[in-house]
């Protein structure tokens, strides 16, 4: 049954992609199969300079889809470039952002719009994010990482409207178009191979500062495809290291630390490094799998030290971090 309603908002589904053509096919087809009125949404695929056969796959999807698919080529490496530029092409009053490794439940769109109708102060909405393991995960992954570390979201509540961010990740985020532009779009996340900013965290902070509300509808469901490469200690270390950069970015943007304050932060991160290193060894000896989190935390501390040191010594970097609006970028159609 197709969801139709005379007041149903037009939705622009935005999917940035980079070298994941085999996953992208599954992602796009899951949106083509939505029960939402096919005349009330479009799909924008932002090819972020892929070097595999992504361009060919996008062309095939454009031809086969009953839903309008708009291709966009963004040559600057960085998902925020792709997302923000795609938003400028979007026709929808609601922008829905996801990633190229997600599979949508067929009721996702019809459910994610409900909180917007429930409260006109709601600006951004998410739902449940379940894992779709490509291989059975090791037990320690289920115990330590079956959560936001893998961008998963499954709270006890079925419906939330809150003045605070309720774990809204950019892999499953709907936002009013006018609010998105008012808040300057997504902050940087990864530029090239380096995680430099706070992406949806930063956007959600700006949304909260404007006085808007956040919402969660547990009936709006998406599945995150998780390959074996994300079920390793190496991935967990990298995930925490990236979070270190993200948190330094967020804190400096808010507090504008002086050099003396940054020095104190660096010393504090150094102390925490040794704390987690020692605690990780102790937990390993007593066979507690959470030792993996402590070891990963040492990478977090190292990156906090590096990032804060760069802030202390690089004026251009400080100006980069405090920039508010990231939406004014050139659009290049494929």
C-alpha atoms as a PDB file:
ATOM      1  CA  UNK A   1       0.000   0.000   0.000  1.00  0.00           C
ATOM      2  CA  UNK A   2       1.376   3.400  -1.012  1.00  0.00           C
ATOM      3  CA  UNK A   3       1.199   6.126   1.614  1.00  0.00           C
ATOM      4  CA  UNK A   4      -0.663   9.074   0.109  1.00  0.00           C
ATOM      5  CA  UNK A   5      -1.915  12.216   1.770  1.00  0.00           C
ATOM      6  CA  UNK A   6      -2.873  15.552   0.301  1.00  0.00           C
ATOM      7  CA  UNK A   7      -0.570  17.346   2.760  1.00  0.00           C
ATOM      8  CA  UNK A   8       2.348  14.905   2.503  1.00  0.00           C
ATOM      9  CA  UNK A   9       5.572  16.941   2.277  1.00  0.00           C
ATOM     10  CA  UNK A  10       7.857  16.559  -0.698  1.00  0.00           C
ATOM     11  CA  UNK A  11      11.049  14.807   0.458  1.00  0.00           C
ATOM     12  CA  UNK A  12      14.508  14.912  -1.070  1.00  0.00           C
ATOM     13  CA  UNK A  13      16.480  11.772  -0.200  1.00  0.00           C
ATOM     14  CA  UNK A  14      20.203  12.635  -0.307  1.00  0.00           C
ATOM     15  CA  UNK A  15      22.824   9.883  -0.533  1.00  0.00           C
ATOM     16  CA  UNK A  16      26.544  10.757  -0.656  1.00  0.00           C
ATOM     17  CA  UNK A  17      28.627   7.893  -2.022  1.00  0.00           C
ATOM     18  CA  UNK A  18      32.278   6.973  -2.392  1.00  0.00           C
ATOM     19  CA  UNK A  19      33.556   3.679  -3.849  1.00  0.00           C
ATOM     20  CA  UNK A  20      30.729   1.518  -2.502  1.00  0.00           C
ATOM     21  CA  UNK A  21      28.845   0.762  -5.702  1.00  0.00           C
ATOM     22  CA  UNK A  22      27.774  -2.732  -4.586  1.00  0.00           C
ATOM     23  CA  UNK A  23      26.222  -1.259  -1.422  1.00  0.00           C
ATOM     24  CA  UNK A  24      24.831   1.813  -3.195  1.00  0.00           C
ATOM     25  CA  UNK A  25      22.606  -0.367  -5.400  1.00  0.00           C
ATOM     26  CA  UNK A  26      20.962  -1.894  -2.325  1.00  0.00           C
ATOM     27  CA  UNK A  27      20.572   1.501  -0.657  1.00  0.00           C
ATOM     28  CA  UNK A  28      18.928   3.205  -3.638  1.00  0.00           C
ATOM     29  CA  UNK A  29      16.625   0.290  -4.431  1.00  0.00           C
ATOM     30  CA  UNK A  30      15.402   0.259  -0.828  1.00  0.00           C
ATOM     31  CA  UNK A  31      14.256   3.861  -1.326  1.00  0.00           C
ATOM     32  CA  UNK A  32      12.735   3.145  -4.725  1.00  0.00           C
ATOM     33  CA  UNK A  33      10.565   0.577  -2.912  1.00  0.00           C
ATOM     34  CA  UNK A  34       9.250   3.033  -0.295  1.00  0.00           C
ATOM     35  CA  UNK A  35       5.501   3.025   0.309  1.00  0.00           C
ATOM     36  CA  UNK A  36       5.577   6.834   0.233  1.00  0.00           C
ATOM     37  CA  UNK A  37       3.764   8.493  -2.686  1.00  0.00           C
ATOM     38  CA  UNK A  38       6.193   8.224  -5.605  1.00  0.00           C
ATOM     39  CA  UNK A  39       5.189  11.689  -6.763  1.00  0.00           C
ATOM     40  CA  UNK A  40       6.223  13.187  -3.415  1.00  0.00           C
ATOM     41  CA  UNK A  41       9.936  12.397  -3.241  1.00  0.00           C
ATOM     42  CA  UNK A  42      13.154  12.400  -5.227  1.00  0.00           C
ATOM     43  CA  UNK A  43      16.578  10.802  -4.758  1.00  0.00           C
ATOM     44  CA  UNK A  44      19.822  12.764  -5.126  1.00  0.00           C
ATOM     45  CA  UNK A  45      22.994  10.674  -5.365  1.00  0.00           C
ATOM     46  CA  UNK A  46      26.102  12.740  -4.667  1.00  0.00           C
ATOM     47  CA  UNK A  47      29.101  10.920  -6.129  1.00  0.00           C
ATOM     48  CA  UNK A  48      32.006  12.105  -3.995  1.00  0.00           C
ATOM     49  CA  UNK A  49      34.703  11.557  -6.640  1.00  0.00           C
ATOM     50  CA  UNK A  50      34.499   7.738  -6.667  1.00  0.00           C
ATOM     51  CA  UNK A  51      37.165   5.801  -8.563  1.00  0.00           C
ATOM     52  CA  UNK A  52      35.241   2.527  -8.958  1.00  0.00           C
ATOM     53  CA  UNK A  53      32.225   1.926 -11.217  1.00  0.00           C
ATOM     54  CA  UNK A  54      29.907   4.119  -9.121  1.00  0.00           C
ATOM     55  CA  UNK A  55      29.221   6.506 -12.019  1.00  0.00           C
ATOM     56  CA  UNK A  56      28.112   3.611 -14.216  1.00  0.00           C
ATOM     57  CA  UNK A  57      25.888   2.224 -11.454  1.00  0.00           C
ATOM     58  CA  UNK A  58      24.259   5.620 -10.913  1.00  0.00           C
ATOM     59  CA  UNK A  59      23.492   5.850 -14.637  1.00  0.00           C
ATOM     60  CA  UNK A  60      21.836   2.431 -14.522  1.00  0.00           C
ATOM     61  CA  UNK A  61      19.777   3.367 -11.456  1.00  0.00           C
ATOM     62  CA  UNK A  62      18.618   6.606 -13.120  1.00  0.00           C
ATOM     63  CA  UNK A  63      17.282   4.616 -16.096  1.00  0.00           C
ATOM     64  CA  UNK A  64      15.510   1.916 -14.096  1.00  0.00           C
ATOM     65  CA  UNK A  65      13.989   4.024 -11.311  1.00  0.00           C
ATOM     66  CA  UNK A  66      10.335   5.141 -11.309  1.00  0.00           C
ATOM     67  CA  UNK A  67      11.442   7.786  -8.799  1.00  0.00           C
ATOM     68  CA  UNK A  68      13.349  10.842 -10.072  1.00  0.00           C
ATOM     69  CA  UNK A  69      17.072  10.315  -9.423  1.00  0.00           C
ATOM     70  CA  UNK A  70      19.336  13.354  -9.732  1.00  0.00           C
ATOM     71  CA  UNK A  71      23.080  12.607 -10.055  1.00  0.00           C
ATOM     72  CA  UNK A  72      25.621  15.041  -8.658  1.00  0.00           C
ATOM     73  CA  UNK A  73      29.404  14.925  -8.948  1.00  0.00           C
ATOM     74  CA  UNK A  74      31.328  16.430  -6.036  1.00  0.00           C
ATOM     75  CA  UNK A  75      35.080  16.195  -6.653  1.00  0.00           C
ATOM     76  CA  UNK A  76      36.207  17.587  -3.310  1.00  0.00           C
ATOM     77  CA  UNK A  77      36.647  14.685  -0.929  1.00  0.00           C
ATOM     78  CA  UNK A  78      34.388  15.075   2.066  1.00  0.00           C
ATOM     79  CA  UNK A  79      30.852  13.906   2.784  1.00  0.00           C
ATOM     80  CA  UNK A  80      29.820  17.365   4.011  1.00  0.00           C
ATOM     81  CA  UNK A  81      30.656  18.824   0.585  1.00  0.00           C
ATOM     82  CA  UNK A  82      28.459  16.166  -1.045  1.00  0.00           C
ATOM     83  CA  UNK A  83      25.574  16.565   1.397  1.00  0.00           C
ATOM     84  CA  UNK A  84      25.558  20.367   1.425  1.00  0.00           C
ATOM     85  CA  UNK A  85      25.786  20.727  -2.340  1.00  0.00           C
ATOM     86  CA  UNK A  86      23.083  18.117  -2.891  1.00  0.00           C
ATOM     87  CA  UNK A  87      20.821  20.093  -0.547  1.00  0.00           C
ATOM     88  CA  UNK A  88      21.094  23.072  -2.889  1.00  0.00           C
ATOM     89  CA  UNK A  89      19.709  20.966  -5.741  1.00  0.00           C
ATOM     90  CA  UNK A  90      16.915  19.536  -3.611  1.00  0.00           C
ATOM     91  CA  UNK A  91      13.269  20.393  -4.254  1.00  0.00           C
ATOM     92  CA  UNK A  92      11.971  18.934  -1.003  1.00  0.00           C
ATOM     93  CA  UNK A  93      10.705  20.878   1.976  1.00  0.00           C
ATOM     94  CA  UNK A  94      12.123  17.958   3.978  1.00  0.00           C
ATOM     95  CA  UNK A  95      15.698  16.836   3.339  1.00  0.00           C
ATOM     96  CA  UNK A  96      16.399  13.235   4.283  1.00  0.00           C
ATOM     97  CA  UNK A  97      20.077  12.284   4.593  1.00  0.00           C
ATOM     98  CA  UNK A  98      21.453   8.770   4.630  1.00  0.00           C
ATOM     99  CA  UNK A  99      24.626   6.936   3.578  1.00  0.00           C
ATOM    100  CA  UNK A 100      25.544   4.500   0.819  1.00  0.00           C
ATOM    101  CA  UNK A 101      25.744   1.525   3.209  1.00  0.00           C
ATOM    102  CA  UNK A 102      22.160   1.648   4.485  1.00  0.00           C
ATOM    103  CA  UNK A 103      18.996  -0.316   3.642  1.00  0.00           C
ATOM    104  CA  UNK A 104      15.692   1.417   4.352  1.00  0.00           C
ATOM    105  CA  UNK A 105      12.585  -0.265   5.664  1.00  0.00           C
ATOM    106  CA  UNK A 106       9.780   0.396   3.179  1.00  0.00           C
ATOM    107  CA  UNK A 107       7.872   2.556   5.707  1.00  0.00           C
ATOM    108  CA  UNK A 108      10.856   4.751   6.591  1.00  0.00           C
ATOM    109  CA  UNK A 109       9.734   7.931   4.821  1.00  0.00           C
ATOM    110  CA  UNK A 110       6.068   7.711   5.758  1.00  0.00           C
ATOM    111  CA  UNK A 111       7.045   7.296   9.415  1.00  0.00           C
ATOM    112  CA  UNK A 112       9.858   9.841   9.612  1.00  0.00           C
ATOM    113  CA  UNK A 113       7.515  12.711   8.636  1.00  0.00           C
ATOM    114  CA  UNK A 114       5.068  12.079  11.499  1.00  0.00           C
ATOM    115  CA  UNK A 115       6.942  14.016  14.221  1.00  0.00           C
ATOM    116  CA  UNK A 116       7.057  17.081  11.973  1.00  0.00           C
ATOM    117  CA  UNK A 117       3.255  16.992  11.856  1.00  0.00           C
ATOM    118  CA  UNK A 118       3.005  16.347  15.599  1.00  0.00           C
ATOM    119  CA  UNK A 119       4.896  19.505  16.625  1.00  0.00           C
ATOM    120  CA  UNK A 120       5.767  22.396  14.301  1.00  0.00           C
ATOM    121  CA  UNK A 121       8.847  23.225  16.423  1.00  0.00           C
ATOM    122  CA  UNK A 122      10.419  19.888  15.453  1.00  0.00           C
ATOM    123  CA  UNK A 123      13.198  20.607  12.969  1.00  0.00           C
ATOM    124  CA  UNK A 124      14.994  17.281  12.633  1.00  0.00           C
ATOM    125  CA  UNK A 125      13.942  13.651  13.062  1.00  0.00           C
ATOM    126  CA  UNK A 126      15.546  10.230  13.217  1.00  0.00           C
ATOM    127  CA  UNK A 127      14.475   6.644  13.900  1.00  0.00           C
ATOM    128  CA  UNK A 128      15.873   3.227  14.673  1.00  0.00           C
ATOM    129  CA  UNK A 129      19.179   2.148  13.127  1.00  0.00           C
ATOM    130  CA  UNK A 130      19.693  -1.610  13.265  1.00  0.00           C
ATOM    131  CA  UNK A 131      22.805  -3.529  12.207  1.00  0.00           C
ATOM    132  CA  UNK A 132      22.896  -5.735   9.129  1.00  0.00           C
ATOM    133  CA  UNK A 133      26.003  -7.808   9.757  1.00  0.00           C
ATOM    134  CA  UNK A 134      27.711  -9.084   6.603  1.00  0.00           C
ATOM    135  CA  UNK A 135      29.201 -11.905   8.700  1.00  0.00           C
ATOM    136  CA  UNK A 136      28.383 -12.976  12.264  1.00  0.00           C
ATOM    137  CA  UNK A 137      30.095 -10.471  14.578  1.00  0.00           C
ATOM    138  CA  UNK A 138      32.502 -11.562  17.321  1.00  0.00           C
ATOM    139  CA  UNK A 139      31.058 -11.508  20.813  1.00  0.00           C
ATOM    140  CA  UNK A 140      33.116  -8.495  21.889  1.00  0.00           C
ATOM    141  CA  UNK A 141      31.576  -6.410  19.106  1.00  0.00           C
ATOM    142  CA  UNK A 142      28.094  -7.260  20.393  1.00  0.00           C
ATOM    143  CA  UNK A 143      29.145  -6.393  23.956  1.00  0.00           C
ATOM    144  CA  UNK A 144      31.120  -3.193  23.229  1.00  0.00           C
ATOM    145  CA  UNK A 145      30.072  -1.763  19.879  1.00  0.00           C
ATOM    146  CA  UNK A 146      26.405  -2.581  19.293  1.00  0.00           C
ATOM    147  CA  UNK A 147      25.633   1.114  19.786  1.00  0.00           C
ATOM    148  CA  UNK A 148      26.571   4.562  18.487  1.00  0.00           C
ATOM    149  CA  UNK A 149      30.143   3.405  17.794  1.00  0.00           C
ATOM    150  CA  UNK A 150      28.641   1.759  14.702  1.00  0.00           C
ATOM    151  CA  UNK A 151      26.021   4.518  14.229  1.00  0.00           C
ATOM    152  CA  UNK A 152      23.299   2.264  15.644  1.00  0.00           C
ATOM    153  CA  UNK A 153      20.318   3.679  17.518  1.00  0.00           C
ATOM    154  CA  UNK A 154      17.722   1.594  19.370  1.00  0.00           C
ATOM    155  CA  UNK A 155      16.458   3.322  22.547  1.00  0.00           C
ATOM    156  CA  UNK A 156      13.730   1.889  24.749  1.00  0.00           C
ATOM    157  CA  UNK A 157      11.302   4.633  23.776  1.00  0.00           C
ATOM    158  CA  UNK A 158       9.148   4.379  20.656  1.00  0.00           C
ATOM    159  CA  UNK A 159       8.588   8.112  20.200  1.00  0.00           C
ATOM    160  CA  UNK A 160      10.546  11.121  21.476  1.00  0.00           C
ATOM    161  CA  UNK A 161      10.203  14.875  21.066  1.00  0.00           C
ATOM    162  CA  UNK A 162      12.941  16.731  22.901  1.00  0.00           C
ATOM    163  CA  UNK A 163      14.803  20.056  23.055  1.00  0.00           C
ATOM    164  CA  UNK A 164      17.989  17.955  22.935  1.00  0.00           C
ATOM    165  CA  UNK A 165      19.643  15.805  20.281  1.00  0.00           C
ATOM    166  CA  UNK A 166      18.296  12.226  20.531  1.00  0.00           C
ATOM    167  CA  UNK A 167      21.196  10.458  18.780  1.00  0.00           C
ATOM    168  CA  UNK A 168      20.458  11.843  15.332  1.00  0.00           C
ATOM    169  CA  UNK A 169      23.120  10.522  12.977  1.00  0.00           C
ATOM    170  CA  UNK A 170      23.609  11.715   9.396  1.00  0.00           C
ATOM    171  CA  UNK A 171      22.930   8.164   8.155  1.00  0.00           C
ATOM    172  CA  UNK A 172      19.276   8.555   9.228  1.00  0.00           C
ATOM    173  CA  UNK A 173      18.370  12.230   9.505  1.00  0.00           C
ATOM    174  CA  UNK A 174      15.405  14.195   8.191  1.00  0.00           C
ATOM    175  CA  UNK A 175      15.520  17.970   8.563  1.00  0.00           C
ATOM    176  CA  UNK A 176      13.408  20.870   7.386  1.00  0.00           C
ATOM    177  CA  UNK A 177      15.061  22.460   4.382  1.00  0.00           C
ATOM    178  CA  UNK A 178      14.735  26.033   5.643  1.00  0.00           C
ATOM    179  CA  UNK A 179      16.260  25.089   9.014  1.00  0.00           C
ATOM    180  CA  UNK A 180      19.124  23.270   7.310  1.00  0.00           C
ATOM    181  CA  UNK A 181      20.073  26.385   5.367  1.00  0.00           C
ATOM    182  CA  UNK A 182      19.474  28.708   8.311  1.00  0.00           C
ATOM    183  CA  UNK A 183      21.955  26.630  10.326  1.00  0.00           C
ATOM    184  CA  UNK A 184      24.634  26.620   7.628  1.00  0.00           C
ATOM    185  CA  UNK A 185      24.443  22.925   6.709  1.00  0.00           C
ATOM    186  CA  UNK A 186      26.662  20.117   7.904  1.00  0.00           C
ATOM    187  CA  UNK A 187      29.990  20.976   9.468  1.00  0.00           C
ATOM    188  CA  UNK A 188      33.028  19.172   7.996  1.00  0.00           C
ATOM    189  CA  UNK A 189      33.638  15.562   8.894  1.00  0.00           C
ATOM    190  CA  UNK A 190      36.234  13.766   6.776  1.00  0.00           C
ATOM    191  CA  UNK A 191      38.286  15.759   4.303  1.00  0.00           C
ATOM    192  CA  UNK A 192      40.428  13.372   2.301  1.00  0.00           C
ATOM    193  CA  UNK A 193      41.479  10.690   4.783  1.00  0.00           C
ATOM    194  CA  UNK A 194      41.418  12.987   7.837  1.00  0.00           C
ATOM    195  CA  UNK A 195      38.470  13.456  10.206  1.00  0.00           C
ATOM    196  CA  UNK A 196      38.573  17.165  10.968  1.00  0.00           C
ATOM    197  CA  UNK A 197      35.148  18.225  12.296  1.00  0.00           C
ATOM    198  CA  UNK A 198      31.884  17.236  13.952  1.00  0.00           C
ATOM    199  CA  UNK A 199      29.475  16.849  10.995  1.00  0.00           C
ATOM    200  CA  UNK A 200      25.905  16.167  12.236  1.00  0.00           C
ATOM    201  CA  UNK A 201      26.864  16.858  15.850  1.00  0.00           C
ATOM    202  CA  UNK A 202      27.742  20.397  14.847  1.00  0.00           C
ATOM    203  CA  UNK A 203      24.601  20.784  12.750  1.00  0.00           C
ATOM    204  CA  UNK A 204      22.459  19.527  15.617  1.00  0.00           C
ATOM    205  CA  UNK A 205      24.130  21.955  18.033  1.00  0.00           C
ATOM    206  CA  UNK A 206      23.228  24.804  15.681  1.00  0.00           C
ATOM    207  CA  UNK A 207      19.647  23.507  15.441  1.00  0.00           C
ATOM    208  CA  UNK A 208      19.370  23.443  19.245  1.00  0.00           C
ATOM    209  CA  UNK A 209      20.833  26.931  19.568  1.00  0.00           C
ATOM    210  CA  UNK A 210      18.094  28.214  17.241  1.00  0.00           C
ATOM    211  CA  UNK A 211      15.471  26.892  19.670  1.00  0.00           C
ATOM    212  CA  UNK A 212      14.144  24.040  17.524  1.00  0.00           C
ATOM    213  CA  UNK A 213      13.229  20.565  18.758  1.00  0.00           C
ATOM    214  CA  UNK A 214      14.489  17.088  17.913  1.00  0.00           C
ATOM    215  CA  UNK A 215      12.396  13.967  17.422  1.00  0.00           C
ATOM    216  CA  UNK A 216      12.663  10.203  17.142  1.00  0.00           C
ATOM    217  CA  UNK A 217      10.111   7.795  15.700  1.00  0.00           C
ATOM    218  CA  UNK A 218      11.007   4.168  16.350  1.00  0.00           C
ATOM    219  CA  UNK A 219       8.815   3.037  13.449  1.00  0.00           C
ATOM    220  CA  UNK A 220      11.126   4.751  10.977  1.00  0.00           C
ATOM    221  CA  UNK A 221      13.749   2.033  10.540  1.00  0.00           C
ATOM    222  CA  UNK A 222      16.959   1.693   8.572  1.00  0.00           C
ATOM    223  CA  UNK A 223      19.630  -1.019   8.536  1.00  0.00           C
ATOM    224  CA  UNK A 224      23.375  -0.308   8.575  1.00  0.00           C
ATOM    225  CA  UNK A 225      25.412  -2.763   6.498  1.00  0.00           C
ATOM    226  CA  UNK A 226      28.460  -3.612   8.598  1.00  0.00           C
ATOM    227  CA  UNK A 227      31.327  -5.435   6.839  1.00  0.00           C
ATOM    228  CA  UNK A 228      34.008  -7.513   8.596  1.00  0.00           C
ATOM    229  CA  UNK A 229      36.431  -4.572   8.331  1.00  0.00           C
ATOM    230  CA  UNK A 230      34.374  -2.738  10.963  1.00  0.00           C
ATOM    231  CA  UNK A 231      34.533  -5.645  13.402  1.00  0.00           C
ATOM    232  CA  UNK A 232      38.205  -5.248  14.310  1.00  0.00           C
ATOM    233  CA  UNK A 233      40.265  -3.565  16.996  1.00  0.00           C
ATOM    234  CA  UNK A 234      41.896  -1.499  14.275  1.00  0.00           C
ATOM    235  CA  UNK A 235      38.565  -0.039  13.215  1.00  0.00           C
ATOM    236  CA  UNK A 236      37.615   0.660  16.823  1.00  0.00           C
ATOM    237  CA  UNK A 237      40.927   2.466  17.378  1.00  0.00           C
ATOM    238  CA  UNK A 238      40.337   4.576  14.268  1.00  0.00           C
ATOM    239  CA  UNK A 239      36.758   5.298  15.312  1.00  0.00           C
ATOM    240  CA  UNK A 240      37.911   6.645  18.688  1.00  0.00           C
ATOM    241  CA  UNK A 241      40.783   8.577  17.121  1.00  0.00           C
ATOM    242  CA  UNK A 242      38.332  10.296  14.784  1.00  0.00           C
ATOM    243  CA  UNK A 243      36.066  11.055  17.734  1.00  0.00           C
ATOM    244  CA  UNK A 244      39.007  12.768  19.397  1.00  0.00           C
ATOM    245  CA  UNK A 245      39.303  15.169  16.465  1.00  0.00           C
ATOM    246  CA  UNK A 246      35.544  15.682  16.457  1.00  0.00           C
ATOM    247  CA  UNK A 247      35.395  16.534  20.167  1.00  0.00           C
ATOM    248  CA  UNK A 248      38.320  18.954  20.010  1.00  0.00           C
ATOM    249  CA  UNK A 249      36.614  20.709  17.093  1.00  0.00           C
ATOM    250  CA  UNK A 250      33.298  20.929  18.957  1.00  0.00           C
ATOM    251  CA  UNK A 251      34.822  22.208  22.196  1.00  0.00           C
ATOM    252  CA  UNK A 252      36.993  24.853  20.582  1.00  0.00           C
ATOM    253  CA  UNK A 253      34.088  26.070  18.463  1.00  0.00           C
ATOM    254  CA  UNK A 254      32.054  26.550  21.648  1.00  0.00           C
ATOM    255  CA  UNK A 255      34.642  27.824  24.135  1.00  0.00           C
ATOM    256  CA  UNK A 256      37.359  29.462  21.961  1.00  0.00           C
ATOM    257  CA  UNK A 257      40.077  28.337  24.374  1.00  0.00           C
ATOM    258  CA  UNK A 258      43.128  30.512  24.971  1.00  0.00           C
ATOM    259  CA  UNK A 259      46.611  29.037  24.458  1.00  0.00           C
ATOM    260  CA  UNK A 260      46.977  28.565  28.203  1.00  0.00           C
ATOM    261  CA  UNK A 261      43.659  26.682  28.340  1.00  0.00           C
ATOM    262  CA  UNK A 262      44.706  24.500  25.412  1.00  0.00           C
ATOM    263  CA  UNK A 263      47.927  23.622  27.202  1.00  0.00           C
ATOM    264  CA  UNK A 264      45.923  22.522  30.242  1.00  0.00           C
ATOM    265  CA  UNK A 265      43.660  20.445  27.977  1.00  0.00           C
ATOM    266  CA  UNK A 266      46.702  18.770  26.401  1.00  0.00           C
ATOM    267  CA  UNK A 267      48.094  17.867  29.837  1.00  0.00           C
ATOM    268  CA  UNK A 268      44.702  16.460  30.846  1.00  0.00           C
ATOM    269  CA  UNK A 269      44.514  14.309  27.701  1.00  0.00           C
ATOM    270  CA  UNK A 270      48.024  13.012  28.444  1.00  0.00           C
ATOM    271  CA  UNK A 271      46.980  11.943  31.942  1.00  0.00           C
ATOM    272  CA  UNK A 272      43.895  10.225  30.554  1.00  0.00           C
ATOM    273  CA  UNK A 273      46.069   8.424  27.995  1.00  0.00           C
ATOM    274  CA  UNK A 274      48.072   6.689  30.740  1.00  0.00           C
ATOM    275  CA  UNK A 275      44.914   6.004  32.754  1.00  0.00           C
ATOM    276  CA  UNK A 276      43.251   4.148  29.865  1.00  0.00           C
ATOM    277  CA  UNK A 277      46.462   2.356  28.885  1.00  0.00           C
ATOM    278  CA  UNK A 278      46.897   0.986  32.428  1.00  0.00           C
ATOM    279  CA  UNK A 279      43.198   0.191  32.868  1.00  0.00           C
ATOM    280  CA  UNK A 280      43.205  -1.612  29.516  1.00  0.00           C
ATOM    281  CA  UNK A 281      46.058  -3.854  30.635  1.00  0.00           C
ATOM    282  CA  UNK A 282      44.287  -4.638  33.920  1.00  0.00           C
ATOM    283  CA  UNK A 283      41.054  -5.517  32.128  1.00  0.00           C
ATOM    284  CA  UNK A 284      42.937  -7.690  29.649  1.00  0.00           C
ATOM    285  CA  UNK A 285      44.547  -9.618  32.520  1.00  0.00           C
ATOM    286  CA  UNK A 286      41.146 -10.281  34.122  1.00  0.00           C
ATOM    287  CA  UNK A 287      39.673 -11.148  30.686  1.00  0.00           C
ATOM    288  CA  UNK A 288      37.130  -8.322  30.455  1.00  0.00           C
ATOM    289  CA  UNK A 289      36.419  -7.498  26.790  1.00  0.00           C
ATOM    290  CA  UNK A 290      36.016  -3.821  27.647  1.00  0.00           C
ATOM    291  CA  UNK A 291      39.819  -3.599  27.638  1.00  0.00           C
ATOM    292  CA  UNK A 292      39.341  -2.970  23.913  1.00  0.00           C
ATOM    293  CA  UNK A 293      37.504   0.263  24.659  1.00  0.00           C
ATOM    294  CA  UNK A 294      40.312   1.432  26.949  1.00  0.00           C
ATOM    295  CA  UNK A 295      42.918   0.741  24.288  1.00  0.00           C
ATOM    296  CA  UNK A 296      40.832   2.584  21.721  1.00  0.00           C
ATOM    297  CA  UNK A 297      40.532   5.466  24.188  1.00  0.00           C
ATOM    298  CA  UNK A 298      44.307   5.900  24.099  1.00  0.00           C
ATOM    299  CA  UNK A 299      43.993   6.733  20.380  1.00  0.00           C
ATOM    300  CA  UNK A 300      41.247   9.214  21.285  1.00  0.00           C
ATOM    301  CA  UNK A 301      43.590  10.926  23.755  1.00  0.00           C
ATOM    302  CA  UNK A 302      46.463  11.051  21.258  1.00  0.00           C
ATOM    303  CA  UNK A 303      44.276  12.767  18.670  1.00  0.00           C
ATOM    304  CA  UNK A 304      42.907  15.210  21.231  1.00  0.00           C
ATOM    305  CA  UNK A 305      46.516  16.178  22.020  1.00  0.00           C
ATOM    306  CA  UNK A 306      47.434  16.572  18.333  1.00  0.00           C
ATOM    307  CA  UNK A 307      44.307  18.555  17.478  1.00  0.00           C
ATOM    308  CA  UNK A 308      44.573  20.902  20.460  1.00  0.00           C
ATOM    309  CA  UNK A 309      48.274  21.458  19.722  1.00  0.00           C
ATOM    310  CA  UNK A 310      47.362  22.441  16.159  1.00  0.00           C
ATOM    311  CA  UNK A 311      44.705  24.822  17.460  1.00  0.00           C
ATOM    312  CA  UNK A 312      47.268  26.372  19.765  1.00  0.00           C
ATOM    313  CA  UNK A 313      49.745  27.075  16.961  1.00  0.00           C
ATOM    314  CA  UNK A 314      47.781  27.544  13.727  1.00  0.00           C
ATOM    315  CA  UNK A 315      45.622  30.660  13.310  1.00  0.00           C
ATOM    316  CA  UNK A 316      44.230  29.491   9.948  1.00  0.00           C
ATOM    317  CA  UNK A 317      43.112  26.249  11.565  1.00  0.00           C
ATOM    318  CA  UNK A 318      41.383  28.142  14.360  1.00  0.00           C
ATOM    319  CA  UNK A 319      39.482  30.180  11.760  1.00  0.00           C
ATOM    320  CA  UNK A 320      38.542  26.966   9.954  1.00  0.00           C
ATOM    321  CA  UNK A 321      37.112  25.497  13.156  1.00  0.00           C
ATOM    322  CA  UNK A 322      35.003  28.514  14.148  1.00  0.00           C
ATOM    323  CA  UNK A 323      33.401  28.916  10.710  1.00  0.00           C
ATOM    324  CA  UNK A 324      29.613  28.693  11.013  1.00  0.00           C
ATOM    325  CA  UNK A 325      28.201  28.374   7.491  1.00  0.00           C
ATOM    326  CA  UNK A 326      29.386  25.518   5.272  1.00  0.00           C
ATOM    327  CA  UNK A 327      26.544  25.582   2.755  1.00  0.00           C
ATOM    328  CA  UNK A 328      27.921  28.178   0.321  1.00  0.00           C
ATOM    329  CA  UNK A 329      29.840  25.860  -1.940  1.00  0.00           C
ATOM    330  CA  UNK A 330      29.843  25.435  -5.719  1.00  0.00           C
ATOM    331  CA  UNK A 331      27.512  22.793  -7.199  1.00  0.00           C
ATOM    332  CA  UNK A 332      28.756  20.631 -10.079  1.00  0.00           C
ATOM    333  CA  UNK A 333      26.255  18.376 -11.836  1.00  0.00           C
ATOM    334  CA  UNK A 334      27.521  15.057 -13.186  1.00  0.00           C
END
